[in-house]
Structures are given as C-alpha cells and as structure tokens.
C-alpha atoms as a PDB file:
ATOM      1  CA  MET A   1     -26.719  58.184 -10.682  1.00  0.00           C
ATOM      2  CA  LYS A   2     -23.961  55.741  -9.960  1.00  0.00           C
ATOM      3  CA  LYS A   3     -24.794  52.322  -8.603  1.00  0.00           C
ATOM      4  CA  ARG A   4     -22.472  50.466  -6.304  1.00  0.00           C
ATOM      5  CA  LEU A   5     -21.686  46.866  -7.119  1.00  0.00           C
ATOM      6  CA  ILE A   6     -21.563  44.753  -3.976  1.00  0.00           C
ATOM      7  CA  THR A   7     -19.900  41.345  -4.209  1.00  0.00           C
ATOM      8  CA  VAL A   8     -20.392  38.778  -1.491  1.00  0.00           C
ATOM      9  CA  ILE A   9     -17.695  36.121  -1.622  1.00  0.00           C
ATOM     10  CA  VAL A  10     -18.253  32.828   0.142  1.00  0.00           C
ATOM     11  CA  LEU A  11     -14.768  31.462   0.710  1.00  0.00           C
ATOM     12  CA  GLY A  12     -15.902  27.961   1.465  1.00  0.00           C
ATOM     13  CA  SER A  13     -17.694  25.711   3.845  1.00  0.00           C
ATOM     14  CA  ALA A  14     -16.493  22.815   5.941  1.00  0.00           C
ATOM     15  CA  ALA A  15     -19.934  21.164   5.781  1.00  0.00           C
ATOM     16  CA  PRO A  16     -19.284  17.757   4.230  1.00  0.00           C
ATOM     17  CA  GLY A  17     -22.627  17.640   2.404  1.00  0.00           C
ATOM     18  CA  LEU A  18     -21.678  20.737   0.392  1.00  0.00           C
ATOM     19  CA  ALA A  19     -18.515  19.216  -1.073  1.00  0.00           C
ATOM     20  CA  SER A  20     -18.489  17.647  -4.541  1.00  0.00           C
ATOM     21  CA  LEU A  21     -18.355  14.132  -3.149  1.00  0.00           C
ATOM     22  CA  VAL A  22     -19.782  10.871  -4.379  1.00  0.00           C
ATOM     23  CA  ALA A  23     -20.476  10.093  -0.712  1.00  0.00           C
ATOM     24  CA  TYR A  24     -19.664  11.294   2.786  1.00  0.00           C
ATOM     25  CA  ASP A  25     -20.549   9.517   6.008  1.00  0.00           C
ATOM     26  CA  GLY A  26     -19.895  10.738   9.531  1.00  0.00           C
ATOM     27  CA  PHE A  27     -22.143   7.900  10.776  1.00  0.00           C
ATOM     28  CA  ASP A  28     -24.657  10.219  12.365  1.00  0.00           C
ATOM     29  CA  TYR A  29     -27.010   7.370  13.212  1.00  0.00           C
ATOM     30  CA  GLU A  30     -28.474   5.987  16.435  1.00  0.00           C
ATOM     31  CA  VAL A  31     -25.763   4.615  18.704  1.00  0.00           C
ATOM     32  CA  GLY A  32     -26.074   0.895  19.379  1.00  0.00           C
ATOM     33  CA  THR A  33     -27.716   0.053  16.065  1.00  0.00           C
ATOM     34  CA  GLY A  34     -26.358  -1.718  12.990  1.00  0.00           C
ATOM     35  CA  LEU A  35     -25.280   0.112   9.834  1.00  0.00           C
ATOM     36  CA  ASP A  36     -27.737  -1.869   7.699  1.00  0.00           C
ATOM     37  CA  GLU A  37     -30.500   0.279   6.154  1.00  0.00           C
ATOM     38  CA  LYS A  38     -29.006   3.546   7.394  1.00  0.00           C
ATOM     39  CA  THR A  39     -29.446   6.286   4.764  1.00  0.00           C
ATOM     40  CA  ASN A  40     -26.293   8.074   3.621  1.00  0.00           C
ATOM     41  CA  PRO A  41     -26.800  11.870   3.757  1.00  0.00           C
ATOM     42  CA  VAL A  42     -25.162  12.484   0.350  1.00  0.00           C
ATOM     43  CA  THR A  43     -26.251   9.543  -1.806  1.00  0.00           C
ATOM     44  CA  HIS A  44     -29.651   9.235  -0.084  1.00  0.00           C
ATOM     45  CA  THR A  45     -29.312   5.479  -0.501  1.00  0.00           C
ATOM     46  CA  ASN A  46     -29.045   2.845   2.195  1.00  0.00           C
ATOM     47  CA  TRP A  47     -26.164   0.798   3.487  1.00  0.00           C
ATOM     48  CA  ASN A  48     -26.901  -2.866   2.872  1.00  0.00           C
ATOM     49  CA  TRP A  49     -25.701  -5.719   5.051  1.00  0.00           C
ATOM     50  CA  THR A  50     -24.972  -9.236   3.805  1.00  0.00           C
ATOM     51  CA  ASN A  51     -27.366 -10.576   6.459  1.00  0.00           C
ATOM     52  CA  ALA A  52     -24.785 -12.978   7.812  1.00  0.00           C
ATOM     53  CA  ASN A  53     -22.712 -12.843  10.963  1.00  0.00           C
ATOM     54  CA  THR A  54     -22.584  -9.456  12.738  1.00  0.00           C
ATOM     55  CA  ASP A  55     -23.642  -6.122  11.255  1.00  0.00           C
ATOM     56  CA  VAL A  56     -21.186  -3.216  11.570  1.00  0.00           C
ATOM     57  CA  GLN A  57     -22.273  -1.295  14.674  1.00  0.00           C
ATOM     58  CA  VAL A  58     -22.698   2.444  15.278  1.00  0.00           C
ATOM     59  CA  VAL A  59     -20.869   3.475  18.465  1.00  0.00           C
ATOM     60  CA  ALA A  60     -20.496   6.738  20.363  1.00  0.00           C
ATOM     61  CA  GLY A  61     -17.591   9.107  19.829  1.00  0.00           C
ATOM     62  CA  ASN A  62     -15.537  10.398  16.908  1.00  0.00           C
ATOM     63  CA  LEU A  63     -12.133  10.070  15.310  1.00  0.00           C
ATOM     64  CA  SER A  64     -10.283  13.175  14.144  1.00  0.00           C
ATOM     65  CA  TYR A  65      -7.213  14.047  12.088  1.00  0.00           C
ATOM     66  CA  ASN A  66      -5.223  17.270  12.003  1.00  0.00           C
ATOM     67  CA  GLY A  67      -6.075  19.331   8.928  1.00  0.00           C
ATOM     68  CA  LEU A  68      -9.481  17.816   8.202  1.00  0.00           C
ATOM     69  CA  PRO A  69     -12.794  19.519   8.973  1.00  0.00           C
ATOM     70  CA  ALA A  70     -14.236  18.689  12.386  1.00  0.00           C
ATOM     71  CA  SER A  71     -15.774  15.231  12.529  1.00  0.00           C
ATOM     72  CA  THR A  72     -19.544  14.846  12.622  1.00  0.00           C
ATOM     73  CA  GLY A  73     -21.967  12.242  13.940  1.00  0.00           C
ATOM     74  CA  HIS A  74     -20.469   9.129  15.516  1.00  0.00           C
ATOM     75  CA  ARG A  75     -18.279   6.235  14.293  1.00  0.00           C
ATOM     76  CA  VAL A  76     -18.693   2.539  13.515  1.00  0.00           C
ATOM     77  CA  SER A  77     -17.059  -0.540  14.995  1.00  0.00           C
ATOM     78  CA  LEU A  78     -15.799  -3.510  12.966  1.00  0.00           C
ATOM     79  CA  ASN A  79     -15.232  -6.607  15.074  1.00  0.00           C
ATOM     80  CA  ALA A  80     -13.690 -10.037  14.563  1.00  0.00           C
ATOM     81  CA  ILE A  81     -16.406 -12.568  13.691  1.00  0.00           C
ATOM     82  CA  PRO A  82     -16.455 -16.389  13.654  1.00  0.00           C
ATOM     83  CA  THR A  83     -16.038 -16.879   9.905  1.00  0.00           C
ATOM     84  CA  ASN A  84     -14.340 -14.888   7.165  1.00  0.00           C
ATOM     85  CA  SER A  85     -17.247 -15.008   4.731  1.00  0.00           C
ATOM     86  CA  ASN A  86     -19.766 -12.186   4.501  1.00  0.00           C
ATOM     87  CA  GLY A  87     -19.938  -9.781   7.435  1.00  0.00           C
ATOM     88  CA  THR A  88     -20.028  -6.963   4.852  1.00  0.00           C
ATOM     89  CA  ASP A  89     -21.930  -3.658   4.604  1.00  0.00           C
ATOM     90  CA  ARG A  90     -22.104  -2.031   1.155  1.00  0.00           C
ATOM     91  CA  LEU A  91     -22.958   1.525   0.106  1.00  0.00           C
ATOM     92  CA  GLY A  92     -23.841   2.212  -3.533  1.00  0.00           C
ATOM     93  CA  THR A  93     -21.622   4.675  -5.399  1.00  0.00           C
ATOM     94  CA  GLY A  94     -23.190   4.648  -8.849  1.00  0.00           C
ATOM     95  CA  THR A  95     -21.278   3.011 -11.681  1.00  0.00           C
ATOM     96  CA  PHE A  96     -17.659   3.964 -12.440  1.00  0.00           C
ATOM     97  CA  ALA A  97     -15.669   2.332 -15.254  1.00  0.00           C
ATOM     98  CA  SER A  98     -12.927   4.819 -16.138  1.00  0.00           C
ATOM     99  CA  GLY A  99     -10.582   7.326 -14.567  1.00  0.00           C
ATOM    100  CA  ARG A 100      -9.849   7.262 -10.851  1.00  0.00           C
ATOM    101  CA  LEU A 101     -12.091   6.780  -7.823  1.00  0.00           C
ATOM    102  CA  TYR A 102     -10.901   7.591  -4.293  1.00  0.00           C
ATOM    103  CA  TYR A 103     -12.007   6.884  -0.777  1.00  0.00           C
ATOM    104  CA  SER A 104     -10.610   8.150   2.515  1.00  0.00           C
ATOM    105  CA  LEU A 105     -11.403   7.188   6.067  1.00  0.00           C
ATOM    106  CA  LEU A 106     -10.117   7.471   9.598  1.00  0.00           C
ATOM    107  CA  PHE A 107      -9.655   4.344  11.682  1.00  0.00           C
ATOM    108  CA  ASN A 108      -8.339   3.309  15.053  1.00  0.00           C
ATOM    109  CA  VAL A 109      -7.464  -0.236  16.117  1.00  0.00           C
ATOM    110  CA  SER A 110      -8.627  -0.237  19.715  1.00  0.00           C
ATOM    111  CA  ALA A 111      -7.986  -3.971  20.239  1.00  0.00           C
ATOM    112  CA  LEU A 112      -5.495  -5.839  18.040  1.00  0.00           C
ATOM    113  CA  GLY A 113      -6.464  -9.186  19.518  1.00  0.00           C
ATOM    114  CA  GLY A 114      -6.457 -12.077  17.053  1.00  0.00           C
ATOM    115  CA  ALA A 115      -5.198 -10.217  13.964  1.00  0.00           C
ATOM    116  CA  THR A 116      -3.019 -12.602  11.959  1.00  0.00           C
ATOM    117  CA  ALA A 117       0.334 -12.193  10.233  1.00  0.00           C
ATOM    118  CA  ALA A 118      -1.300 -12.955   6.864  1.00  0.00           C
ATOM    119  CA  GLY A 119      -3.929 -10.311   7.445  1.00  0.00           C
ATOM    120  CA  GLY A 120      -7.176  -9.507   5.694  1.00  0.00           C
ATOM    121  CA  PHE A 121      -9.003  -6.580   4.128  1.00  0.00           C
ATOM    122  CA  PHE A 122     -11.633  -4.418   5.800  1.00  0.00           C
ATOM    123  CA  ALA A 123     -12.552  -1.800   3.163  1.00  0.00           C
ATOM    124  CA  GLY A 124     -12.597  -1.353  -0.598  1.00  0.00           C
ATOM    125  CA  PHE A 125     -14.588  -0.901  -3.796  1.00  0.00           C
ATOM    126  CA  ASN A 126     -16.866  -3.660  -5.124  1.00  0.00           C
ATOM    127  CA  ASN A 127     -18.069  -4.400  -8.646  1.00  0.00           C
ATOM    128  CA  SER A 128     -21.534  -5.328  -7.310  1.00  0.00           C
ATOM    129  CA  ASP A 129     -24.435  -3.069  -6.498  1.00  0.00           C
ATOM    130  CA  ALA A 130     -25.152  -2.418  -2.825  1.00  0.00           C
ATOM    131  CA  SER A 131     -28.267  -4.577  -2.989  1.00  0.00           C
ATOM    132  CA  VAL A 132     -26.130  -7.738  -3.373  1.00  0.00           C
ATOM    133  CA  THR A 133     -26.089  -9.810  -0.182  1.00  0.00           C
ATOM    134  CA  SER A 134     -23.271 -12.214  -1.025  1.00  0.00           C
ATOM    135  CA  ALA A 135     -19.671 -12.035   0.171  1.00  0.00           C
ATOM    136  CA  VAL A 136     -17.151  -9.841  -1.645  1.00  0.00           C
ATOM    137  CA  THR A 137     -15.462 -11.851  -4.406  1.00  0.00           C
ATOM    138  CA  SER A 138     -14.144  -9.067  -6.646  1.00  0.00           C
ATOM    139  CA  ALA A 139     -12.921  -5.749  -5.370  1.00  0.00           C
ATOM    140  CA  GLY A 140     -10.483  -2.933  -6.017  1.00  0.00           C
ATOM    141  CA  GLY A 141      -8.529  -0.817  -3.588  1.00  0.00           C
ATOM    142  CA  ARG A 142      -8.653  -3.450  -0.864  1.00  0.00           C
ATOM    143  CA  LEU A 143      -7.290  -1.970   2.357  1.00  0.00           C
ATOM    144  CA  PHE A 144      -5.431  -4.735   4.219  1.00  0.00           C
ATOM    145  CA  ILE A 145      -4.315  -4.973   7.831  1.00  0.00           C
ATOM    146  CA  ARG A 146      -2.048  -7.555   9.488  1.00  0.00           C
ATOM    147  CA  ALA A 147      -0.249  -8.180  12.762  1.00  0.00           C
ATOM    148  CA  SER A 148       3.315  -6.869  12.444  1.00  0.00           C
ATOM    149  CA  ALA A 149       6.430  -8.880  13.139  1.00  0.00           C
ATOM    150  CA  THR A 150       6.915  -6.290  15.903  1.00  0.00           C
ATOM    151  CA  SER A 151       4.862  -7.507  18.841  1.00  0.00           C
ATOM    152  CA  GLY A 152       1.717  -5.520  19.533  1.00  0.00           C
ATOM    153  CA  MET A 153       1.915  -3.499  16.296  1.00  0.00           C
ATOM    154  CA  TYR A 154       0.267  -3.757  12.884  1.00  0.00           C
ATOM    155  CA  ASN A 155       0.921  -2.976   9.198  1.00  0.00           C
ATOM    156  CA  LEU A 156      -1.305  -1.749   6.375  1.00  0.00           C
ATOM    157  CA  GLY A 157      -1.315  -2.726   2.718  1.00  0.00           C
ATOM    158  CA  ILE A 158      -3.126  -2.494  -0.600  1.00  0.00           C
ATOM    159  CA  ARG A 159      -4.229  -4.998  -3.234  1.00  0.00           C
ATOM    160  CA  THR A 160      -5.906  -4.564  -6.604  1.00  0.00           C
ATOM    161  CA  ASN A 161      -8.154  -7.604  -6.943  1.00  0.00           C
ATOM    162  CA  LEU A 162      -8.629 -11.308  -6.309  1.00  0.00           C
ATOM    163  CA  PRO A 163      -8.215 -14.013  -7.490  1.00  0.00           C
ATOM    164  CA  ASN A 164      -5.016 -14.170  -9.566  1.00  0.00           C
ATOM    165  CA  ALA A 165      -3.698 -10.876  -8.233  1.00  0.00           C
ATOM    166  CA  PRO A 166      -0.153 -10.251  -7.046  1.00  0.00           C
ATOM    167  CA  ASP A 167       0.439 -10.443  -3.323  1.00  0.00           C
ATOM    168  CA  THR A 168      -0.623  -7.554  -1.144  1.00  0.00           C
ATOM    169  CA  VAL A 169       1.836  -4.628  -1.185  1.00  0.00           C
ATOM    170  CA  TRP A 170       2.557  -3.604   2.407  1.00  0.00           C
ATOM    171  CA  ASP A 171       3.663  -0.254   3.758  1.00  0.00           C
ATOM    172  CA  PRO A 172       6.697  -0.956   6.013  1.00  0.00           C
ATOM    173  CA  ARG A 173       5.646   1.247   8.909  1.00  0.00           C
ATOM    174  CA  ASP A 174       4.424  -0.182  12.202  1.00  0.00           C
ATOM    175  CA  PHE A 175       1.277   1.360  13.659  1.00  0.00           C
ATOM    176  CA  ALA A 176       0.186   1.086  17.275  1.00  0.00           C
ATOM    177  CA  PRO A 177      -3.275   0.275  18.636  1.00  0.00           C
ATOM    178  CA  GLY A 178      -4.939   3.425  19.916  1.00  0.00           C
ATOM    179  CA  GLU A 179      -3.464   5.576  17.129  1.00  0.00           C
ATOM    180  CA  THR A 180      -5.893   7.230  14.699  1.00  0.00           C
ATOM    181  CA  VAL A 181      -4.721   6.711  11.117  1.00  0.00           C
ATOM    182  CA  MET A 182      -5.950   8.421   7.967  1.00  0.00           C
ATOM    183  CA  ALA A 183      -5.983   6.199   4.881  1.00  0.00           C
ATOM    184  CA  VAL A 184      -6.581   7.441   1.340  1.00  0.00           C
ATOM    185  CA  VAL A 185      -7.099   4.814  -1.362  1.00  0.00           C
ATOM    186  CA  ALA A 186      -7.523   5.230  -5.132  1.00  0.00           C
ATOM    187  CA  TYR A 187      -8.493   2.775  -7.845  1.00  0.00           C
ATOM    188  CA  GLN A 188      -7.215   3.721 -11.315  1.00  0.00           C
ATOM    189  CA  PHE A 189      -8.924   2.179 -14.353  1.00  0.00           C
ATOM    190  CA  ASN A 190      -6.527   1.529 -17.245  1.00  0.00           C
ATOM    191  CA  GLN A 191      -7.518   0.261 -20.667  1.00  0.00           C
ATOM    192  CA  ASP A 192      -4.508  -1.552 -22.146  1.00  0.00           C
ATOM    193  CA  SER A 193      -5.053  -5.029 -20.698  1.00  0.00           C
ATOM    194  CA  ALA A 194      -7.119  -7.043 -18.223  1.00  0.00           C
ATOM    195  CA  ALA A 195      -4.361  -6.753 -15.622  1.00  0.00           C
ATOM    196  CA  ASP A 196      -3.218  -3.132 -15.593  1.00  0.00           C
ATOM    197  CA  ASP A 197      -5.559  -1.363 -13.168  1.00  0.00           C
ATOM    198  CA  VAL A 198      -3.796   0.137 -10.154  1.00  0.00           C
ATOM    199  CA  SER A 199      -4.746   0.477  -6.493  1.00  0.00           C
ATOM    200  CA  MET A 200      -2.892   3.138  -4.495  1.00  0.00           C
ATOM    201  CA  LEU A 201      -2.577   3.774  -0.770  1.00  0.00           C
ATOM    202  CA  TRP A 202      -1.590   6.874   1.193  1.00  0.00           C
ATOM    203  CA  LEU A 203      -1.236   6.711   4.982  1.00  0.00           C
ATOM    204  CA  ASN A 204      -1.354   9.775   7.225  1.00  0.00           C
ATOM    205  CA  PRO A 205      -0.873  12.215   4.326  1.00  0.00           C
ATOM    206  CA  SER A 206       0.432  15.660   5.160  1.00  0.00           C
ATOM    207  CA  PRO A 207      -2.311  18.269   5.646  1.00  0.00           C
ATOM    208  CA  ALA A 208      -0.227  20.452   3.305  1.00  0.00           C
ATOM    209  CA  THR A 209      -1.431  18.214   0.456  1.00  0.00           C
ATOM    210  CA  PHE A 210      -5.129  18.465   1.317  1.00  0.00           C
ATOM    211  CA  GLY A 211      -7.191  19.919  -1.493  1.00  0.00           C
ATOM    212  CA  ALA A 212      -4.380  19.470  -4.037  1.00  0.00           C
ATOM    213  CA  GLU A 213      -5.233  19.343  -7.731  1.00  0.00           C
ATOM    214  CA  GLU A 214      -4.818  16.001  -9.487  1.00  0.00           C
ATOM    215  CA  GLY A 215      -1.519  17.035 -11.047  1.00  0.00           C
ATOM    216  CA  SER A 216      -0.096  17.680  -7.581  1.00  0.00           C
ATOM    217  CA  VAL A 217      -1.254  14.545  -5.744  1.00  0.00           C
ATOM    218  CA  PRO A 218       1.660  13.109  -3.720  1.00  0.00           C
ATOM    219  CA  ALA A 219       3.213   9.776  -4.634  1.00  0.00           C
ATOM    220  CA  PRO A 220       1.435   6.863  -2.912  1.00  0.00           C
ATOM    221  CA  ASP A 221       3.047   5.020  -0.025  1.00  0.00           C
ATOM    222  CA  ALA A 222       2.175   1.681  -1.657  1.00  0.00           C
ATOM    223  CA  GLN A 223       0.513   0.566  -4.874  1.00  0.00           C
ATOM    224  CA  SER A 224      -0.616  -2.688  -6.434  1.00  0.00           C
ATOM    225  CA  THR A 225      -1.132  -3.523 -10.110  1.00  0.00           C
ATOM    226  CA  GLY A 226      -2.956  -6.684 -11.054  1.00  0.00           C
ATOM    227  CA  GLN A 227      -6.101  -8.278 -12.364  1.00  0.00           C
ATOM    228  CA  ASP A 228      -8.751  -5.677 -13.199  1.00  0.00           C
ATOM    229  CA  ILE A 229     -11.928  -5.647 -11.143  1.00  0.00           C
ATOM    230  CA  ASN A 230     -14.603  -7.998 -12.514  1.00  0.00           C
ATOM    231  CA  GLN A 231     -17.004  -6.480 -15.060  1.00  0.00           C
ATOM    232  CA  LEU A 232     -14.544  -3.561 -15.267  1.00  0.00           C
ATOM    233  CA  GLN A 233     -16.712  -1.464 -12.981  1.00  0.00           C
ATOM    234  CA  ILE A 234     -17.177  -0.169  -9.459  1.00  0.00           C
ATOM    235  CA  GLN A 235     -20.701   0.098  -8.062  1.00  0.00           C
ATOM    236  CA  SER A 236     -20.261   0.177  -4.295  1.00  0.00           C
ATOM    237  CA  PHE A 237     -17.965   0.724  -1.337  1.00  0.00           C
ATOM    238  CA  PHE A 238     -17.817  -1.806   1.492  1.00  0.00           C
ATOM    239  CA  LEU A 239     -16.754  -2.261   5.098  1.00  0.00           C
ATOM    240  CA  ARG A 240     -15.952  -5.866   6.006  1.00  0.00           C
ATOM    241  CA  GLN A 241     -15.487  -7.902   9.182  1.00  0.00           C
ATOM    242  CA  ASN A 242     -13.877 -11.341   9.532  1.00  0.00           C
ATOM    243  CA  THR A 243     -11.953 -13.572  11.869  1.00  0.00           C
ATOM    244  CA  VAL A 244      -8.409 -12.556  10.820  1.00  0.00           C
ATOM    245  CA  LEU A 245      -8.923  -8.843  11.538  1.00  0.00           C
ATOM    246  CA  PRO A 246      -8.287  -7.000  14.810  1.00  0.00           C
ATOM    247  CA  ASP A 247     -10.830  -7.666  17.542  1.00  0.00           C
ATOM    248  CA  THR A 248     -12.082  -4.061  17.368  1.00  0.00           C
ATOM    249  CA  LEU A 249     -11.440  -1.540  14.589  1.00  0.00           C
ATOM    250  CA  LEU A 250     -13.199   1.847  14.700  1.00  0.00           C
ATOM    251  CA  VAL A 251     -13.934   3.710  11.443  1.00  0.00           C
ATOM    252  CA  ASP A 252     -15.057   7.313  10.918  1.00  0.00           C
ATOM    253  CA  GLU A 253     -15.225  10.163   8.383  1.00  0.00           C
ATOM    254  CA  LEU A 254     -15.693   8.174   5.173  1.00  0.00           C
ATOM    255  CA  ARG A 255     -15.408  10.143   1.928  1.00  0.00           C
ATOM    256  CA  ILE A 256     -15.680   8.874  -1.657  1.00  0.00           C
ATOM    257  CA  GLY A 257     -14.893  11.064  -4.666  1.00  0.00           C
ATOM    258  CA  THR A 258     -13.310  11.307  -8.080  1.00  0.00           C
ATOM    259  CA  THR A 259     -10.444  13.591  -7.022  1.00  0.00           C
ATOM    260  CA  TRP A 260      -7.877  13.803  -4.232  1.00  0.00           C
ATOM    261  CA  ALA A 261      -9.417  17.122  -3.180  1.00  0.00           C
ATOM    262  CA  ASP A 262     -12.823  15.466  -2.730  1.00  0.00           C
ATOM    263  CA  VAL A 263     -11.520  13.104  -0.069  1.00  0.00           C
ATOM    264  CA  THR A 264      -8.954  15.421   1.567  1.00  0.00           C
ATOM    265  CA  PRO A 265     -10.986  18.579   2.163  1.00  0.00           C
ATOM    266  CA  GLU A 266      -9.397  21.521   3.910  1.00  0.00           C
ATOM    267  CA  PRO A 267     -11.134  23.280   6.790  1.00  0.00           C
ATOM    268  CA  ALA A 268     -12.549  26.268   4.942  1.00  0.00           C
ATOM    269  CA  THR A 269     -12.112  29.930   5.732  1.00  0.00           C
ATOM    270  CA  THR A 270     -15.730  30.816   6.282  1.00  0.00           C
ATOM    271  CA  LEU A 271     -17.557  34.052   5.624  1.00  0.00           C
ATOM    272  CA  LEU A 272     -21.007  33.802   7.137  1.00  0.00           C
ATOM    273  CA  LEU A 273     -23.517  34.092   4.334  1.00  0.00           C
ATOM    274  CA  GLY A 274     -26.090  35.630   6.636  1.00  0.00           C
ATOM    275  CA  ALA A 275     -23.707  38.411   7.605  1.00  0.00           C
ATOM    276  CA  GLY A 276     -22.815  38.955   3.962  1.00  0.00           C
ATOM    277  CA  LEU A 277     -26.446  39.296   2.972  1.00  0.00           C
ATOM    278  CA  GLY A 278     -26.966  41.738   5.824  1.00  0.00           C
ATOM    279  CA  MET A 279     -24.112  43.884   4.507  1.00  0.00           C
ATOM    280  CA  LEU A 280     -25.621  43.765   1.035  1.00  0.00           C
ATOM    281  CA  ALA A 281     -29.030  44.872   2.316  1.00  0.00           C
ATOM    282  CA  ALA A 282     -27.485  47.712   4.292  1.00  0.00           C
ATOM    283  CA  ALA A 283     -25.535  48.890   1.244  1.00  0.00           C
ATOM    284  CA  ARG A 284     -28.658  48.887  -0.885  1.00  0.00           C
ATOM    285  CA  ARG A 285     -30.493  50.963   1.726  1.00  0.00           C
ATOM    286  CA  ARG A 286     -27.698  53.553   1.499  1.00  0.00           C
ATOM    287  CA  GLN A 287     -28.077  53.900  -2.280  1.00  0.00           C
ATOM    288  CA  PRO A 288     -30.002  56.977  -3.574  1.00  0.00           C
ATOM    289  CA  GLY A 289     -33.667  56.186  -4.057  1.00  0.00           C
ATOM    290  CA  ASN A 290     -33.617  53.379  -1.480  1.00  0.00           C
ATOM    291  CA  ARG A 291     -34.108  55.481   1.640  1.00  0.00           C
END
C-alpha cells in the first residue's frame, strides 16, 4: 500500500509577534493613558518612565507605510515639555555588546511648533536598564530632529554618543509636517578602539529592500562614528520628550531586532493554517484503511 505524503507549507505571517524580533510595539494600550508600566507584547516587560515631566501618551489612530504589514493598536504622542531633562520612557531589550542592533519606527510631526535649528533627539538605544529613572546620558543611534532652514520644514539626523562625539550628521532632505516617515536606525559595535562604533540612519527606505539579508542592506542615508556607548553595551530603547523638539510628534510601529529583515518585515503571502490542516485531514480520510 502506498502512502501519500502531504506537505502543508506556511508561507509566512504578518503578525508582528511571530517575527524574530527583540521587540515590537503597536501601542495597543488604553487611549489617553501614559506609556509607563505598559507591558510590551514581545518582551513581556514594562515601559518605564523617568517620573519627571510628562509621560509619553497613548493616542487614537495609526501610522502606516507602504510595504509594511498593516499597523496594529494605536500610536503614542511625544510633546514639547518645559525642560530638556528626563521626559523619557525606556523599554528593556536585554544586553547587547557586539554585532549590530536595529530599530525602526514610523513617525509624523503633526505640529512643528517650537522645534529649534539646533535640534534634539527623540529616540535611541541606552546603556542603562529600563528600570533606571534618570535622564539619558549615554546612548547610541540617537535619532535627531531639527527645524530646517526652509521655513515650516524639518530635517533628521543621527549621532553615535555623547559627550565628546562628533556633531550630528544630518540628512539633507526637508520633511513636511503631516508626512509619515519611516526611520530605520542601526548601532554597530566595533572592537578596535573606544571611538569606532557606528550609528546609521535610513529614511523612507524602498519597500523593495524590506526583508533583505544583511549582505544586501542598502547604504545608509547618514552615519555617525564617534565615542562608543558607555559600558560598551545596550540594555534598553527609549522615547524622549524635551523643549527643543516639535510640539507634537506621533510615533507608531516600533520594531527592534538584530537584522534589517527583523525591522523591515514584508507583508507575508499567507496560507491559512486552518485550511491547510483541513486539507490534510481530508487527504488522510481518502487513504486506504482510513474510511
């Protein structure tokens, strides 16, 4: 008696929690509440606020970007606050001290307001654990924003660490309030000196590059080499508010991973597993001896 071999192939899933990510957050939390103590669905650890100034707020709606899976949950709002110390929410990543660590996010400046020409940073990796409640003093992959020389527009940049780091490296493009931008940032640990780590920035990458293997990652739009992050480690990701940032900056679809593909997932071609299992059961019933 011959037996038929039935193979059910699952071509993929767009569900963010099934990807090989360090963390994903679609901010599926109660609208109108702060991000502090919200539990990330991948890490199962909490966001932690510095307990000073204004907590990042969960607001209704989503941001989306062509080529990414459909957004989930809600989004968060970063707002200008009276001082530029603290105002930070951290999410633990585990400890990383070698190789490359990425994050990607979508953001939309809905009110440019008092953003300054010098600018400030609103996201990045921190050497401290998420339980720390002090301001960020050492960070890698700092994502900077500033008011452009073109009235009503803004620029984005990247910086490796502070203090004693080179100036922020700015992408020359002007972006307009109301435009959703995708930013991908990577921090590369290097071992030759205390000032050779690299932070890289990609802005609005082509969907054709999503899911690319590490050998095929596109060249960054801007990169900064400088003082290595303190303690030569990353332990958390942060979102930060302060007085030099836009009045309102919306953030959504945060991903953290060790590869480009982790943080630029493609919408998958999906074969429903339930339907596949039904086909398998039907095939088995048709086999001799299973009637």
